[in-house]
PDB file of all heavy atoms in Angstrom:
ATOM      1  N   ALA A   1       7.224  53.713  -5.070  1.00  0.00           N
ATOM      2  CA  ALA A   1       8.381  52.947  -4.631  1.00  0.00           C
ATOM      3  C   ALA A   1       8.463  53.020  -3.117  1.00  0.00           C
ATOM      4  O   ALA A   1       8.853  52.044  -2.432  1.00  0.00           O
ATOM      5  CB  ALA A   1       9.682  53.471  -5.296  1.00  0.00           C
ATOM      6  N   ALA A   2       8.133  54.147  -2.489  1.00  0.00           N
ATOM      7  CA  ALA A   2       8.243  54.330  -1.064  1.00  0.00           C
ATOM      8  C   ALA A   2       7.145  53.523  -0.321  1.00  0.00           C
ATOM      9  O   ALA A   2       7.362  53.129   0.832  1.00  0.00           O
ATOM     10  CB  ALA A   2       8.127  55.816  -0.722  1.00  0.00           C
ATOM     11  N   THR A   3       6.029  53.271  -0.970  1.00  0.00           N
ATOM     12  CA  THR A   3       4.968  52.537  -0.279  1.00  0.00           C
ATOM     13  C   THR A   3       5.111  51.028  -0.427  1.00  0.00           C
ATOM     14  O   THR A   3       4.451  50.279   0.243  1.00  0.00           O
ATOM     15  CB  THR A   3       3.577  52.946  -0.856  1.00  0.00           C
ATOM     16  OG1 THR A   3       3.540  52.641  -2.241  1.00  0.00           O
ATOM     17  CG2 THR A   3       3.313  54.385  -0.598  1.00  0.00           C
ATOM     18  N   GLY A   4       6.021  50.553  -1.259  1.00  0.00           N
ATOM     19  CA  GLY A   4       6.279  49.121  -1.418  1.00  0.00           C
ATOM     20  C   GLY A   4       5.182  48.499  -2.211  1.00  0.00           C
ATOM     21  O   GLY A   4       4.548  49.108  -3.076  1.00  0.00           O
ATOM     22  N   CYS A   5       4.942  47.246  -1.959  1.00  0.00           N
ATOM     23  CA  CYS A   5       3.943  46.443  -2.775  1.00  0.00           C
ATOM     24  C   CYS A   5       2.570  46.396  -2.149  1.00  0.00           C
ATOM     25  O   CYS A   5       1.754  45.681  -2.565  1.00  0.00           O
ATOM     26  CB  CYS A   5       4.509  45.052  -3.040  1.00  0.00           C
ATOM     27  SG  CYS A   5       4.729  44.140  -1.513  1.00  0.00           S
ATOM     28  N   GLY A   6       2.394  47.155  -1.079  1.00  0.00           N
ATOM     29  CA  GLY A   6       1.089  47.171  -0.396  1.00  0.00           C
ATOM     30  C   GLY A   6       0.950  46.171   0.724  1.00  0.00           C
ATOM     31  O   GLY A   6      -0.126  46.119   1.307  1.00  0.00           O
ATOM     32  N   ILE A   7       1.935  45.370   0.991  1.00  0.00           N
ATOM     33  CA  ILE A   7       1.892  44.429   2.092  1.00  0.00           C
ATOM     34  C   ILE A   7       2.333  45.116   3.321  1.00  0.00           C
ATOM     35  O   ILE A   7       3.460  45.626   3.401  1.00  0.00           O
ATOM     36  CB  ILE A   7       2.735  43.160   1.783  1.00  0.00           C
ATOM     37  CG1 ILE A   7       2.200  42.449   0.587  1.00  0.00           C
ATOM     38  CG2 ILE A   7       2.762  42.260   3.028  1.00  0.00           C
ATOM     39  CD1 ILE A   7       3.062  41.319   0.124  1.00  0.00           C
ATOM     40  N   ARG A   8       1.493  45.128   4.300  1.00  0.00           N
ATOM     41  CA  ARG A   8       1.852  45.807   5.521  1.00  0.00           C
ATOM     42  C   ARG A   8       2.726  44.883   6.438  1.00  0.00           C
ATOM     43  O   ARG A   8       2.522  43.655   6.408  1.00  0.00           O
ATOM     44  CB  ARG A   8       0.571  46.162   6.265  1.00  0.00           C
ATOM     45  CG  ARG A   8      -0.347  47.035   5.436  1.00  0.00           C
ATOM     46  CD  ARG A   8      -0.925  48.150   6.324  1.00  0.00           C
ATOM     47  NE  ARG A   8      -1.905  48.921   5.559  1.00  0.00           N
ATOM     48  CZ  ARG A   8      -1.540  50.090   4.957  1.00  0.00           C
ATOM     49  NH1 ARG A   8      -0.378  50.548   5.026  1.00  0.00           N
ATOM     50  NH2 ARG A   8      -2.439  50.749   4.301  1.00  0.00           N
ATOM     51  N   PRO A   9       3.631  45.431   7.184  1.00  0.00           N
ATOM     52  CA  PRO A   9       4.477  44.607   8.054  1.00  0.00           C
ATOM     53  C   PRO A   9       3.661  43.938   9.141  1.00  0.00           C
ATOM     54  O   PRO A   9       2.662  44.517   9.590  1.00  0.00           O
ATOM     55  CB  PRO A   9       5.508  45.564   8.590  1.00  0.00           C
ATOM     56  CG  PRO A   9       4.881  46.948   8.453  1.00  0.00           C
ATOM     57  CD  PRO A   9       3.941  46.852   7.302  1.00  0.00           C
ATOM     58  N   THR A  10       4.079  42.798   9.520  1.00  0.00           N
ATOM     59  CA  THR A  10       3.443  42.067  10.617  1.00  0.00           C
ATOM     60  C   THR A  10       4.495  41.759  11.670  1.00  0.00           C
ATOM     61  O   THR A  10       5.659  41.875  11.465  1.00  0.00           O
ATOM     62  CB  THR A  10       2.800  40.736  10.155  1.00  0.00           C
ATOM     63  OG1 THR A  10       3.843  39.939   9.733  1.00  0.00           O
ATOM     64  CG2 THR A  10       1.791  40.958   9.071  1.00  0.00           C
ATOM     65  N   GLY A  11       4.010  41.324  12.812  1.00  0.00           N
ATOM     66  CA  GLY A  11       4.945  40.872  13.862  1.00  0.00           C
ATOM     67  C   GLY A  11       5.487  39.458  13.523  1.00  0.00           C
ATOM     68  O   GLY A  11       5.174  38.930  12.466  1.00  0.00           O
ATOM     69  N   VAL A  12       6.229  38.956  14.419  1.00  0.00           N
ATOM     70  CA  VAL A  12       6.790  37.567  14.226  1.00  0.00           C
ATOM     71  C   VAL A  12       5.648  36.608  14.278  1.00  0.00           C
ATOM     72  O   VAL A  12       4.793  36.617  15.159  1.00  0.00           O
ATOM     73  CB  VAL A  12       7.819  37.261  15.342  1.00  0.00           C
ATOM     74  CG1 VAL A  12       8.352  35.852  15.215  1.00  0.00           C
ATOM     75  CG2 VAL A  12       8.984  38.247  15.257  1.00  0.00           C
ATOM     76  N   THR A  13       5.578  35.669  13.290  1.00  0.00           N
ATOM     77  CA  THR A  13       4.560  34.651  13.288  1.00  0.00           C
ATOM     78  C   THR A  13       5.205  33.281  13.513  1.00  0.00           C
ATOM     79  O   THR A  13       6.364  33.026  13.186  1.00  0.00           O
ATOM     80  CB  THR A  13       3.832  34.618  11.935  1.00  0.00           C
ATOM     81  OG1 THR A  13       4.796  34.382  10.895  1.00  0.00           O
ATOM     82  CG2 THR A  13       3.139  35.938  11.689  1.00  0.00           C
ATOM     83  N   ASP A  14       4.452  32.393  14.122  1.00  0.00           N
ATOM     84  CA  ASP A  14       4.877  31.020  14.347  1.00  0.00           C
ATOM     85  C   ASP A  14       4.604  30.144  13.247  1.00  0.00           C
ATOM     86  O   ASP A  14       3.414  30.000  12.807  1.00  0.00           O
ATOM     87  CB  ASP A  14       4.192  30.488  15.613  1.00  0.00           C
ATOM     88  CG  ASP A  14       4.622  29.100  15.996  1.00  0.00           C
ATOM     89  OD1 ASP A  14       5.757  28.660  15.549  1.00  0.00           O
ATOM     90  OD2 ASP A  14       3.864  28.427  16.732  1.00  0.00           O
ATOM     91  N   GLY A  15       5.602  29.553  12.629  1.00  0.00           N
ATOM     92  CA  GLY A  15       5.439  28.686  11.485  1.00  0.00           C
ATOM     93  C   GLY A  15       5.327  27.208  11.900  1.00  0.00           C
ATOM     94  O   GLY A  15       5.330  26.338  11.034  1.00  0.00           O
ATOM     95  N   GLY A  16       5.245  26.951  13.127  1.00  0.00           N
ATOM     96  CA  GLY A  16       5.133  25.575  13.615  1.00  0.00           C
ATOM     97  C   GLY A  16       6.521  25.040  13.825  1.00  0.00           C
ATOM     98  O   GLY A  16       7.548  25.711  13.772  1.00  0.00           O
ATOM     99  N   THR A  17       6.572  23.713  14.098  1.00  0.00           N
ATOM    100  CA  THR A  17       7.889  23.060  14.354  1.00  0.00           C
ATOM    101  C   THR A  17       8.572  22.816  12.997  1.00  0.00           C
ATOM    102  O   THR A  17       7.975  22.569  11.969  1.00  0.00           O
ATOM    103  CB  THR A  17       7.691  21.723  15.034  1.00  0.00           C
ATOM    104  OG1 THR A  17       6.830  20.890  14.261  1.00  0.00           O
ATOM    105  CG2 THR A  17       7.067  21.882  16.435  1.00  0.00           C
ATOM    106  N   ALA A  18       9.905  22.937  13.076  1.00  0.00           N
ATOM    107  CA  ALA A  18      10.695  22.744  11.852  1.00  0.00           C
ATOM    108  C   ALA A  18      10.758  21.237  11.563  1.00  0.00           C
ATOM    109  O   ALA A  18      10.781  20.405  12.479  1.00  0.00           O
ATOM    110  CB  ALA A  18      12.066  23.309  12.112  1.00  0.00           C
ATOM    111  N   PRO A  19      10.812  20.882  10.337  1.00  0.00           N
ATOM    112  CA  PRO A  19      10.961  19.466   9.944  1.00  0.00           C
ATOM    113  C   PRO A  19      12.312  18.987  10.483  1.00  0.00           C
ATOM    114  O   PRO A  19      13.320  19.646  10.392  1.00  0.00           O
ATOM    115  CB  PRO A  19      10.916  19.431   8.449  1.00  0.00           C
ATOM    116  CG  PRO A  19      10.794  20.805   7.963  1.00  0.00           C
ATOM    117  CD  PRO A  19      10.716  21.711   9.122  1.00  0.00           C
ATOM    118  N   SER A  20      12.307  17.781  11.063  1.00  0.00           N
ATOM    119  CA  SER A  20      13.560  17.242  11.621  1.00  0.00           C
ATOM    120  C   SER A  20      14.339  16.476  10.571  1.00  0.00           C
ATOM    121  O   SER A  20      15.523  16.216  10.794  1.00  0.00           O
ATOM    122  CB  SER A  20      13.200  16.308  12.795  1.00  0.00           C
ATOM    123  OG  SER A  20      12.508  15.146  12.317  1.00  0.00           O
ATOM    124  N   GLY A  21      13.746  16.025   9.497  1.00  0.00           N
ATOM    125  CA  GLY A  21      14.468  15.247   8.475  1.00  0.00           C
ATOM    126  C   GLY A  21      14.421  13.781   8.777  1.00  0.00           C
ATOM    127  O   GLY A  21      14.887  12.992   7.959  1.00  0.00           O
ATOM    128  N   ILE A  22      14.042  13.399   9.950  1.00  0.00           N
ATOM    129  CA  ILE A  22      13.979  11.981  10.310  1.00  0.00           C
ATOM    130  C   ILE A  22      12.513  11.574  10.384  1.00  0.00           C
ATOM    131  O   ILE A  22      11.759  12.165  11.131  1.00  0.00           O
ATOM    132  CB  ILE A  22      14.701  11.707  11.641  1.00  0.00           C
ATOM    133  CG1 ILE A  22      16.129  12.145  11.476  1.00  0.00           C
ATOM    134  CG2 ILE A  22      14.571  10.292  12.014  1.00  0.00           C
ATOM    135  CD1 ILE A  22      16.928  12.100  12.787  1.00  0.00           C
ATOM    136  N   SER A  23      12.161  10.563   9.642  1.00  0.00           N
ATOM    137  CA  SER A  23      10.786  10.117   9.621  1.00  0.00           C
ATOM    138  C   SER A  23      10.347   9.511  10.986  1.00  0.00           C
ATOM    139  O   SER A  23      11.261   9.079  11.727  1.00  0.00           O
ATOM    140  CB  SER A  23      10.550   9.129   8.513  1.00  0.00           C
ATOM    141  OG  SER A  23      11.378   7.986   8.714  1.00  0.00           O
ATOM    142  N   GLN A  24       9.145   9.434  11.234  1.00  0.00           N
ATOM    143  CA  GLN A  24       8.652   8.808  12.451  1.00  0.00           C
ATOM    144  C   GLN A  24       8.286   7.399  12.220  1.00  0.00           C
ATOM    145  O   GLN A  24       7.871   7.049  11.125  1.00  0.00           O
ATOM    146  CB  GLN A  24       7.409   9.566  12.989  1.00  0.00           C
ATOM    147  CG  GLN A  24       7.708  11.068  13.234  1.00  0.00           C
ATOM    148  CD  GLN A  24       8.730  11.255  14.378  1.00  0.00           C
ATOM    149  OE1 GLN A  24       8.590  10.683  15.377  1.00  0.00           O
ATOM    150  NE2 GLN A  24       9.758  12.081  14.105  1.00  0.00           N
ATOM    151  N   GLY A  25       8.355   6.539  13.192  1.00  0.00           N
ATOM    152  CA  GLY A  25       7.919   5.182  13.064  1.00  0.00           C
ATOM    153  C   GLY A  25       8.917   4.308  12.282  1.00  0.00           C
ATOM    154  O   GLY A  25       9.985   4.712  11.890  1.00  0.00           O
ATOM    155  N   MET A  26       8.537   3.061  12.194  1.00  0.00           N
ATOM    156  CA  MET A  26       9.401   2.021  11.580  1.00  0.00           C
ATOM    157  C   MET A  26       9.483   2.195  10.086  1.00  0.00           C
ATOM    158  O   MET A  26       8.514   2.524   9.424  1.00  0.00           O
ATOM    159  CB  MET A  26       8.862   0.638  11.968  1.00  0.00           C
ATOM    160  CG  MET A  26       9.802  -0.473  11.620  1.00  0.00           C
ATOM    161  SD  MET A  26      11.366  -0.306  12.455  1.00  0.00           S
ATOM    162  CE  MET A  26      12.403  -1.264  11.300  1.00  0.00           C
ATOM    163  N   ARG A  27      10.683   1.958   9.535  1.00  0.00           N
ATOM    164  CA  ARG A  27      10.904   1.916   8.122  1.00  0.00           C
ATOM    165  C   ARG A  27      11.588   0.580   7.821  1.00  0.00           C
ATOM    166  O   ARG A  27      12.494   0.194   8.548  1.00  0.00           O
ATOM    167  CB  ARG A  27      11.818   3.049   7.616  1.00  0.00           C
ATOM    168  CG  ARG A  27      11.074   4.378   7.708  1.00  0.00           C
ATOM    169  CD  ARG A  27      11.928   5.529   7.152  1.00  0.00           C
ATOM    170  NE  ARG A  27      12.082   5.464   5.704  1.00  0.00           N
ATOM    171  CZ  ARG A  27      11.146   5.772   4.831  1.00  0.00           C
ATOM    172  NH1 ARG A  27       9.950   6.132   5.224  1.00  0.00           N
ATOM    173  NH2 ARG A  27      11.473   5.780   3.497  1.00  0.00           N
ATOM    174  N   VAL A  28      11.237  -0.051   6.740  1.00  0.00           N
ATOM    175  CA  VAL A  28      11.856  -1.264   6.269  1.00  0.00           C
ATOM    176  C   VAL A  28      12.452  -0.989   4.931  1.00  0.00           C
ATOM    177  O   VAL A  28      11.842  -0.293   4.099  1.00  0.00           O
ATOM    178  CB  VAL A  28      10.782  -2.430   6.199  1.00  0.00           C
ATOM    179  CG1 VAL A  28      11.420  -3.695   5.746  1.00  0.00           C
ATOM    180  CG2 VAL A  28      10.099  -2.615   7.518  1.00  0.00           C
ATOM    181  N   TYR A  29      13.630  -1.514   4.695  1.00  0.00           N
ATOM    182  CA  TYR A  29      14.337  -1.210   3.424  1.00  0.00           C
ATOM    183  C   TYR A  29      14.318  -2.478   2.554  1.00  0.00           C
ATOM    184  O   TYR A  29      14.596  -3.575   3.010  1.00  0.00           O
ATOM    185  CB  TYR A  29      15.788  -0.805   3.724  1.00  0.00           C
ATOM    186  CG  TYR A  29      15.859   0.567   4.288  1.00  0.00           C
ATOM    187  CD1 TYR A  29      15.515   0.797   5.632  1.00  0.00           C
ATOM    188  CD2 TYR A  29      16.118   1.674   3.501  1.00  0.00           C
ATOM    189  CE1 TYR A  29      15.533   2.034   6.146  1.00  0.00           C
ATOM    190  CE2 TYR A  29      16.176   2.949   4.024  1.00  0.00           C
ATOM    191  CZ  TYR A  29      15.866   3.166   5.331  1.00  0.00           C
ATOM    192  OH  TYR A  29      15.875   4.432   5.867  1.00  0.00           O
ATOM    193  N   PHE A  30      13.982  -2.228   1.286  1.00  0.00           N
ATOM    194  CA  PHE A  30      13.942  -3.308   0.270  1.00  0.00           C
ATOM    195  C   PHE A  30      14.803  -2.886  -0.929  1.00  0.00           C
ATOM    196  O   PHE A  30      15.146  -1.690  -1.118  1.00  0.00           O
ATOM    197  CB  PHE A  30      12.493  -3.498  -0.172  1.00  0.00           C
ATOM    198  CG  PHE A  30      11.612  -4.058   0.888  1.00  0.00           C
ATOM    199  CD1 PHE A  30      10.584  -3.340   1.379  1.00  0.00           C
ATOM    200  CD2 PHE A  30      11.831  -5.370   1.391  1.00  0.00           C
ATOM    201  CE1 PHE A  30       9.778  -3.844   2.402  1.00  0.00           C
ATOM    202  CE2 PHE A  30      11.045  -5.845   2.413  1.00  0.00           C
ATOM    203  CZ  PHE A  30       9.998  -5.109   2.915  1.00  0.00           C
ATOM    204  N   ALA A  31      15.226  -3.848  -1.717  1.00  0.00           N
ATOM    205  CA  ALA A  31      16.072  -3.631  -2.832  1.00  0.00           C
ATOM    206  C   ALA A  31      15.256  -2.997  -3.978  1.00  0.00           C
ATOM    207  O   ALA A  31      14.103  -3.312  -4.158  1.00  0.00           O
ATOM    208  CB  ALA A  31      16.683  -4.956  -3.287  1.00  0.00           C
ATOM    209  N   SER A  32      15.931  -2.151  -4.719  1.00  0.00           N
ATOM    210  CA  SER A  32      15.333  -1.520  -5.908  1.00  0.00           C
ATOM    211  C   SER A  32      16.422  -1.373  -6.974  1.00  0.00           C
ATOM    212  O   SER A  32      17.586  -1.673  -6.676  1.00  0.00           O
ATOM    213  CB  SER A  32      14.694  -0.140  -5.570  1.00  0.00           C
ATOM    214  OG  SER A  32      15.739   0.802  -5.457  1.00  0.00           O
ATOM    215  N   ASP A  33      16.049  -0.892  -8.150  1.00  0.00           N
ATOM    216  CA  ASP A  33      17.056  -0.701  -9.183  1.00  0.00           C
ATOM    217  C   ASP A  33      18.052   0.394  -8.858  1.00  0.00           C
ATOM    218  O   ASP A  33      19.071   0.577  -9.491  1.00  0.00           O
ATOM    219  CB  ASP A  33      16.389  -0.459 -10.499  1.00  0.00           C
ATOM    220  CG  ASP A  33      15.544   0.780 -10.536  1.00  0.00           C
ATOM    221  OD1 ASP A  33      15.252   1.352  -9.449  1.00  0.00           O
ATOM    222  OD2 ASP A  33      15.123   1.192 -11.651  1.00  0.00           O
ATOM    223  N   ARG A  34      17.765   1.195  -7.772  1.00  0.00           N
ATOM    224  CA  ARG A  34      18.708   2.297  -7.403  1.00  0.00           C
ATOM    225  C   ARG A  34      19.320   2.042  -6.036  1.00  0.00           C
ATOM    226  O   ARG A  34      19.847   2.983  -5.417  1.00  0.00           O
ATOM    227  CB  ARG A  34      17.951   3.606  -7.429  1.00  0.00           C
ATOM    228  CG  ARG A  34      17.498   3.927  -8.828  1.00  0.00           C
ATOM    229  CD  ARG A  34      16.992   5.331  -8.915  1.00  0.00           C
ATOM    230  NE  ARG A  34      17.993   6.231  -8.371  1.00  0.00           N
ATOM    231  CZ  ARG A  34      17.760   7.507  -8.057  1.00  0.00           C
ATOM    232  NH1 ARG A  34      16.576   8.006  -8.247  1.00  0.00           N
ATOM    233  NH2 ARG A  34      18.735   8.244  -7.538  1.00  0.00           N
ATOM    234  N   GLY A  35      19.218   0.869  -5.518  1.00  0.00           N
ATOM    235  CA  GLY A  35      19.742   0.552  -4.177  1.00  0.00           C
ATOM    236  C   GLY A  35      18.642   0.431  -3.146  1.00  0.00           C
ATOM    237  O   GLY A  35      17.432   0.567  -3.508  1.00  0.00           O
ATOM    238  N   PRO A  36      18.960   0.142  -1.876  1.00  0.00           N
ATOM    239  CA  PRO A  36      17.947  -0.004  -0.863  1.00  0.00           C
ATOM    240  C   PRO A  36      17.040   1.219  -0.737  1.00  0.00           C
ATOM    241  O   PRO A  36      17.548   2.338  -0.797  1.00  0.00           O
ATOM    242  CB  PRO A  36      18.723  -0.185   0.414  1.00  0.00           C
ATOM    243  CG  PRO A  36      20.084  -0.657  -0.038  1.00  0.00           C
ATOM    244  CD  PRO A  36      20.295  -0.035  -1.337  1.00  0.00           C
TER     245      PRO A  36
END
């Protein structure tokens, strides 16, 4: 229990840029059975 699961601690790692939630480039909206 004191040794944990065998994974050794690491320093801070860079996961890259966070997703912004907004797509890039042009989007066009069309009608569907659930709305645009």
